[in-house]
Amino acid sequence: RSTGFVASGNVNASSYLYQPWFAQLRGGIGFVRSTASGGDGDASKSFSLTGEGGLNLFPASRFPFDASFSVSDSRASGEITSSDFRTTRIGLRQAYRALDGAQYLARYERNVISGATFGKDVLDVVEGTYAKRFAAHAVELSGNHSSNTGGVNGTQSNLTRFYGRDSYAPAANLNV
């Protein structure tokens, strides 16, 4: 016979700095506490903190910036999994819209997942996009690179992708 108990709680808040158009802030903190006991009399207890935060600078402008992070624990999700794991995410995003209508976007994201049974796995993603309309043409160029390392056996993979598209609409009922 074995028993288990998980308790979790979260508090979140959001506000702005100076004016809502200048900077928006959000954040939260939480906890996960668990106990498990088996038929042999052994008991285990664990406690971990979770949280999230974010910052948006100039969110309504032509050059919004967004930074975010989060730390979560699988036990707080309420789902039954074969092993407990912890996830950490960090993201940065910068966009820019030029006066001529060109749009640029750059993004970086890091995801780290760690658990006792599978080790630590890290995924890094870098992405960039350019888009602009020229008369009847809409051009989009993008590229991204992802790198995944870790796990129990230390596997590694890298993927780089470039993408280009030109949409041509010479008339309302024709699109190439």
C-alpha atoms as a PDB file:
ATOM      1  CA  ARG A   1       0.000   0.000   0.000  1.00  0.00           C
ATOM      2  CA  SER A   2       1.249   3.471  -0.821  1.00  0.00           C
ATOM      3  CA  THR A   3      -0.154   6.956  -0.426  1.00  0.00           C
ATOM      4  CA  GLY A   4       0.681  10.314  -1.953  1.00  0.00           C
ATOM      5  CA  PHE A   5      -0.319  13.890  -1.375  1.00  0.00           C
ATOM      6  CA  VAL A   6       0.356  16.994  -3.494  1.00  0.00           C
ATOM      7  CA  ALA A   7      -0.487  20.561  -2.486  1.00  0.00           C
ATOM      8  CA  SER A   8       0.114  23.571  -4.706  1.00  0.00           C
ATOM      9  CA  GLY A   9      -0.712  27.255  -4.742  1.00  0.00           C
ATOM     10  CA  ASN A  10      -0.125  30.280  -6.978  1.00  0.00           C
ATOM     11  CA  VAL A  11      -0.375  34.063  -6.699  1.00  0.00           C
ATOM     12  CA  ASN A  12      -0.276  36.218  -9.843  1.00  0.00           C
ATOM     13  CA  ALA A  13      -0.263  39.973 -10.415  1.00  0.00           C
ATOM     14  CA  SER A  14       0.086  42.385 -13.299  1.00  0.00           C
ATOM     15  CA  SER A  15       0.512  46.132 -13.571  1.00  0.00           C
ATOM     16  CA  TYR A  16       2.181  48.810 -15.633  1.00  0.00           C
ATOM     17  CA  LEU A  17       5.109  51.141 -15.139  1.00  0.00           C
ATOM     18  CA  TYR A  18       4.571  54.880 -15.736  1.00  0.00           C
ATOM     19  CA  GLN A  19       1.821  54.391 -18.376  1.00  0.00           C
ATOM     20  CA  PRO A  20       0.375  51.213 -19.981  1.00  0.00           C
ATOM     21  CA  TRP A  21       1.906  52.194 -23.344  1.00  0.00           C
ATOM     22  CA  PHE A  22       5.389  52.390 -21.760  1.00  0.00           C
ATOM     23  CA  ALA A  23       5.832  49.116 -19.839  1.00  0.00           C
ATOM     24  CA  GLN A  24       3.548  46.308 -18.703  1.00  0.00           C
ATOM     25  CA  LEU A  25       4.662  43.900 -15.977  1.00  0.00           C
ATOM     26  CA  ARG A  26       3.297  40.522 -14.935  1.00  0.00           C
ATOM     27  CA  GLY A  27       4.487  37.946 -12.479  1.00  0.00           C
ATOM     28  CA  GLY A  28       3.564  35.155 -10.176  1.00  0.00           C
ATOM     29  CA  ILE A  29       4.981  32.808  -7.619  1.00  0.00           C
ATOM     30  CA  GLY A  30       3.800  29.398  -6.517  1.00  0.00           C
ATOM     31  CA  PHE A  31       4.770  26.290  -4.641  1.00  0.00           C
ATOM     32  CA  VAL A  32       4.405  22.536  -4.919  1.00  0.00           C
ATOM     33  CA  ARG A  33       4.693  20.301  -1.857  1.00  0.00           C
ATOM     34  CA  SER A  34       4.404  16.537  -2.050  1.00  0.00           C
ATOM     35  CA  THR A  35       4.663  13.593   0.292  1.00  0.00           C
ATOM     36  CA  ALA A  36       4.644   9.927  -0.579  1.00  0.00           C
ATOM     37  CA  SER A  37       4.834   6.885   1.634  1.00  0.00           C
ATOM     38  CA  GLY A  38       5.098   3.255   0.723  1.00  0.00           C
ATOM     39  CA  GLY A  39       4.129   0.036   2.425  1.00  0.00           C
ATOM     40  CA  ASP A  40       7.681  -0.441   3.700  1.00  0.00           C
ATOM     41  CA  GLY A  41       7.451   2.609   5.997  1.00  0.00           C
ATOM     42  CA  ASP A  42       9.691   4.825   3.847  1.00  0.00           C
ATOM     43  CA  ALA A  43       8.390   8.347   3.260  1.00  0.00           C
ATOM     44  CA  SER A  44       9.634  11.042   0.921  1.00  0.00           C
ATOM     45  CA  LYS A  45       8.854  14.731   0.957  1.00  0.00           C
ATOM     46  CA  SER A  46       9.655  17.424  -1.552  1.00  0.00           C
ATOM     47  CA  PHE A  47       9.033  21.131  -1.890  1.00  0.00           C
ATOM     48  CA  SER A  48       9.690  23.345  -4.902  1.00  0.00           C
ATOM     49  CA  LEU A  49       8.965  26.908  -5.927  1.00  0.00           C
ATOM     50  CA  THR A  50       7.432  27.801  -9.265  1.00  0.00           C
ATOM     51  CA  GLY A  51       6.869  31.140 -10.886  1.00  0.00           C
ATOM     52  CA  GLU A  52       6.599  33.279 -13.955  1.00  0.00           C
ATOM     53  CA  GLY A  53       7.297  36.815 -14.999  1.00  0.00           C
ATOM     54  CA  GLY A  54       7.183  39.058 -17.985  1.00  0.00           C
ATOM     55  CA  LEU A  55       7.929  42.522 -19.237  1.00  0.00           C
ATOM     56  CA  ASN A  56       6.439  44.250 -22.297  1.00  0.00           C
ATOM     57  CA  LEU A  57       8.160  47.472 -23.328  1.00  0.00           C
ATOM     58  CA  PHE A  58       6.311  49.846 -25.670  1.00  0.00           C
ATOM     59  CA  PRO A  59       3.590  47.236 -26.406  1.00  0.00           C
ATOM     60  CA  ALA A  60       1.513  49.521 -28.677  1.00  0.00           C
ATOM     61  CA  SER A  61       4.461  50.976 -30.612  1.00  0.00           C
ATOM     62  CA  ARG A  62       6.185  50.073 -33.874  1.00  0.00           C
ATOM     63  CA  PHE A  63       8.977  48.386 -31.851  1.00  0.00           C
ATOM     64  CA  PRO A  64       7.441  46.274 -29.036  1.00  0.00           C
ATOM     65  CA  PHE A  65       9.747  44.150 -26.894  1.00  0.00           C
ATOM     66  CA  ASP A  66       8.653  41.198 -24.768  1.00  0.00           C
ATOM     67  CA  ALA A  67      10.667  39.196 -22.226  1.00  0.00           C
ATOM     68  CA  SER A  68       9.256  36.309 -20.232  1.00  0.00           C
ATOM     69  CA  PHE A  69      10.282  33.431 -18.021  1.00  0.00           C
ATOM     70  CA  SER A  70       8.516  30.606 -16.229  1.00  0.00           C
ATOM     71  CA  VAL A  71       9.446  27.750 -13.934  1.00  0.00           C
ATOM     72  CA  SER A  72       6.934  24.942 -13.508  1.00  0.00           C
ATOM     73  CA  ASP A  73       6.729  21.550 -11.871  1.00  0.00           C
ATOM     74  CA  SER A  74       4.843  18.595 -13.362  1.00  0.00           C
ATOM     75  CA  ARG A  75       3.274  17.773 -10.002  1.00  0.00           C
ATOM     76  CA  ALA A  76       1.372  21.100 -10.048  1.00  0.00           C
ATOM     77  CA  SER A  77      -0.434  20.230 -13.306  1.00  0.00           C
ATOM     78  CA  GLY A  78      -2.632  17.600 -11.682  1.00  0.00           C
ATOM     79  CA  GLU A  79      -1.742  15.088 -14.391  1.00  0.00           C
ATOM     80  CA  ILE A  80      -0.397  11.684 -13.421  1.00  0.00           C
ATOM     81  CA  THR A  81       3.020  11.091 -14.976  1.00  0.00           C
ATOM     82  CA  SER A  82       5.468   8.235 -14.637  1.00  0.00           C
ATOM     83  CA  SER A  83       8.171  10.623 -13.388  1.00  0.00           C
ATOM     84  CA  ASP A  84       8.234  14.146 -12.005  1.00  0.00           C
ATOM     85  CA  PHE A  85       9.979  16.845 -14.009  1.00  0.00           C
ATOM     86  CA  ARG A  86      10.691  20.556 -13.875  1.00  0.00           C
ATOM     87  CA  THR A  87      10.412  22.952 -16.828  1.00  0.00           C
ATOM     88  CA  THR A  88      12.148  26.326 -17.199  1.00  0.00           C
ATOM     89  CA  ARG A  89      11.339  28.636 -20.125  1.00  0.00           C
ATOM     90  CA  ILE A  90      12.940  31.942 -21.107  1.00  0.00           C
ATOM     91  CA  GLY A  91      11.831  33.995 -24.089  1.00  0.00           C
ATOM     92  CA  LEU A  92      12.835  37.265 -25.738  1.00  0.00           C
ATOM     93  CA  ARG A  93      10.974  38.836 -28.664  1.00  0.00           C
ATOM     94  CA  GLN A  94      11.676  42.078 -30.510  1.00  0.00           C
ATOM     95  CA  ALA A  95       9.515  43.337 -33.356  1.00  0.00           C
ATOM     96  CA  TYR A  96       9.932  46.403 -35.536  1.00  0.00           C
ATOM     97  CA  ARG A  97       7.644  47.948 -38.147  1.00  0.00           C
ATOM     98  CA  ALA A  98       9.424  50.474 -40.372  1.00  0.00           C
ATOM     99  CA  LEU A  99       7.704  53.559 -41.750  1.00  0.00           C
ATOM    100  CA  ASP A 100       7.783  52.027 -45.257  1.00  0.00           C
ATOM    101  CA  GLY A 101       5.676  49.061 -44.004  1.00  0.00           C
ATOM    102  CA  ALA A 102       8.465  46.506 -43.669  1.00  0.00           C
ATOM    103  CA  GLN A 103       8.140  44.282 -40.606  1.00  0.00           C
ATOM    104  CA  TYR A 104      11.008  42.627 -38.754  1.00  0.00           C
ATOM    105  CA  LEU A 105      10.867  40.087 -35.938  1.00  0.00           C
ATOM    106  CA  ALA A 106      13.627  38.470 -33.889  1.00  0.00           C
ATOM    107  CA  ARG A 107      12.968  35.832 -31.231  1.00  0.00           C
ATOM    108  CA  TYR A 108      15.024  33.707 -28.848  1.00  0.00           C
ATOM    109  CA  GLU A 109      13.616  30.970 -26.639  1.00  0.00           C
ATOM    110  CA  ARG A 110      15.227  28.497 -24.241  1.00  0.00           C
ATOM    111  CA  ASN A 111      13.378  25.511 -22.781  1.00  0.00           C
ATOM    112  CA  VAL A 112      14.983  23.311 -20.143  1.00  0.00           C
ATOM    113  CA  ILE A 113      13.282  20.181 -18.875  1.00  0.00           C
ATOM    114  CA  SER A 114      14.876  18.119 -16.116  1.00  0.00           C
ATOM    115  CA  GLY A 115      13.877  15.023 -14.237  1.00  0.00           C
ATOM    116  CA  ALA A 116      15.469  12.222 -12.260  1.00  0.00           C
ATOM    117  CA  THR A 117      14.704   9.541 -14.860  1.00  0.00           C
ATOM    118  CA  PHE A 118      15.758  11.335 -18.053  1.00  0.00           C
ATOM    119  CA  GLY A 119      18.322  13.940 -16.974  1.00  0.00           C
ATOM    120  CA  LYS A 120      18.372  17.462 -18.362  1.00  0.00           C
ATOM    121  CA  ASP A 121      17.228  18.395 -21.858  1.00  0.00           C
ATOM    122  CA  VAL A 122      17.864  21.883 -23.339  1.00  0.00           C
ATOM    123  CA  LEU A 123      16.226  23.352 -26.445  1.00  0.00           C
ATOM    124  CA  ASP A 124      17.393  26.716 -27.835  1.00  0.00           C
ATOM    125  CA  VAL A 125      15.525  28.393 -30.698  1.00  0.00           C
ATOM    126  CA  VAL A 126      16.566  31.527 -32.626  1.00  0.00           C
ATOM    127  CA  GLU A 127      14.242  32.946 -35.278  1.00  0.00           C
ATOM    128  CA  GLY A 128      14.100  35.950 -37.585  1.00  0.00           C
ATOM    129  CA  THR A 129      11.439  37.175 -40.026  1.00  0.00           C
ATOM    130  CA  TYR A 130      11.152  39.944 -42.620  1.00  0.00           C
ATOM    131  CA  ALA A 131       7.897  40.829 -44.394  1.00  0.00           C
ATOM    132  CA  LYS A 132       6.961  43.633 -46.778  1.00  0.00           C
ATOM    133  CA  ARG A 133       4.336  44.447 -49.379  1.00  0.00           C
ATOM    134  CA  PHE A 134       5.481  45.795 -52.766  1.00  0.00           C
ATOM    135  CA  ALA A 135       2.473  46.875 -54.882  1.00  0.00           C
ATOM    136  CA  ALA A 136       0.785  43.550 -55.794  1.00  0.00           C
ATOM    137  CA  HIS A 137       3.533  41.447 -54.147  1.00  0.00           C
ATOM    138  CA  ALA A 138       3.767  40.355 -50.500  1.00  0.00           C
ATOM    139  CA  VAL A 139       7.241  39.041 -49.658  1.00  0.00           C
ATOM    140  CA  GLU A 140       8.156  37.088 -46.537  1.00  0.00           C
ATOM    141  CA  LEU A 141      11.590  35.742 -45.606  1.00  0.00           C
ATOM    142  CA  SER A 142      12.253  33.842 -42.411  1.00  0.00           C
ATOM    143  CA  GLY A 143      14.795  31.563 -40.859  1.00  0.00           C
ATOM    144  CA  ASN A 144      15.232  29.700 -37.625  1.00  0.00           C
ATOM    145  CA  HIS A 145      17.766  27.518 -35.909  1.00  0.00           C
ATOM    146  CA  SER A 146      17.025  25.079 -33.100  1.00  0.00           C
ATOM    147  CA  SER A 147      19.534  23.159 -31.038  1.00  0.00           C
ATOM    148  CA  ASN A 148      18.521  20.368 -28.696  1.00  0.00           C
ATOM    149  CA  THR A 149      20.995  18.738 -26.297  1.00  0.00           C
ATOM    150  CA  GLY A 150      20.843  16.553 -23.247  1.00  0.00           C
ATOM    151  CA  GLY A 151      18.887  13.669 -21.927  1.00  0.00           C
ATOM    152  CA  VAL A 152      20.334  10.645 -20.184  1.00  0.00           C
ATOM    153  CA  ASN A 153      22.439   9.626 -23.183  1.00  0.00           C
ATOM    154  CA  GLY A 154      23.532  13.183 -24.144  1.00  0.00           C
ATOM    155  CA  THR A 155      21.956  13.238 -27.597  1.00  0.00           C
ATOM    156  CA  GLN A 156      22.179  16.370 -29.704  1.00  0.00           C
ATOM    157  CA  SER A 157      20.296  17.634 -32.739  1.00  0.00           C
ATOM    158  CA  ASN A 158      20.464  20.836 -34.754  1.00  0.00           C
ATOM    159  CA  LEU A 159      17.931  22.034 -37.290  1.00  0.00           C
ATOM    160  CA  THR A 160      18.258  25.126 -39.474  1.00  0.00           C
ATOM    161  CA  ARG A 161      15.476  26.233 -41.793  1.00  0.00           C
ATOM    162  CA  PHE A 162      15.105  29.119 -44.239  1.00  0.00           C
ATOM    163  CA  TYR A 163      11.826  30.012 -45.860  1.00  0.00           C
ATOM    164  CA  GLY A 164      10.850  32.489 -48.576  1.00  0.00           C
ATOM    165  CA  ARG A 165       7.480  33.323 -50.078  1.00  0.00           C
ATOM    166  CA  ASP A 166       6.213  35.787 -52.666  1.00  0.00           C
ATOM    167  CA  SER A 167       2.450  36.162 -52.999  1.00  0.00           C
ATOM    168  CA  TYR A 168       1.298  37.982 -56.113  1.00  0.00           C
ATOM    169  CA  ALA A 169      -2.272  39.327 -56.325  1.00  0.00           C
ATOM    170  CA  PRO A 170      -2.683  41.335 -59.566  1.00  0.00           C
ATOM    171  CA  ALA A 171      -6.501  41.381 -59.260  1.00  0.00           C
ATOM    172  CA  ALA A 172      -9.122  40.869 -56.568  1.00  0.00           C
ATOM    173  CA  ASN A 173      -9.992  37.386 -57.911  1.00  0.00           C
ATOM    174  CA  LEU A 174      -6.450  36.208 -58.807  1.00  0.00           C
ATOM    175  CA  ASN A 175      -3.735  35.243 -56.333  1.00  0.00           C
ATOM    176  CA  VAL A 176      -0.469  33.493 -57.249  1.00  0.00           C
END
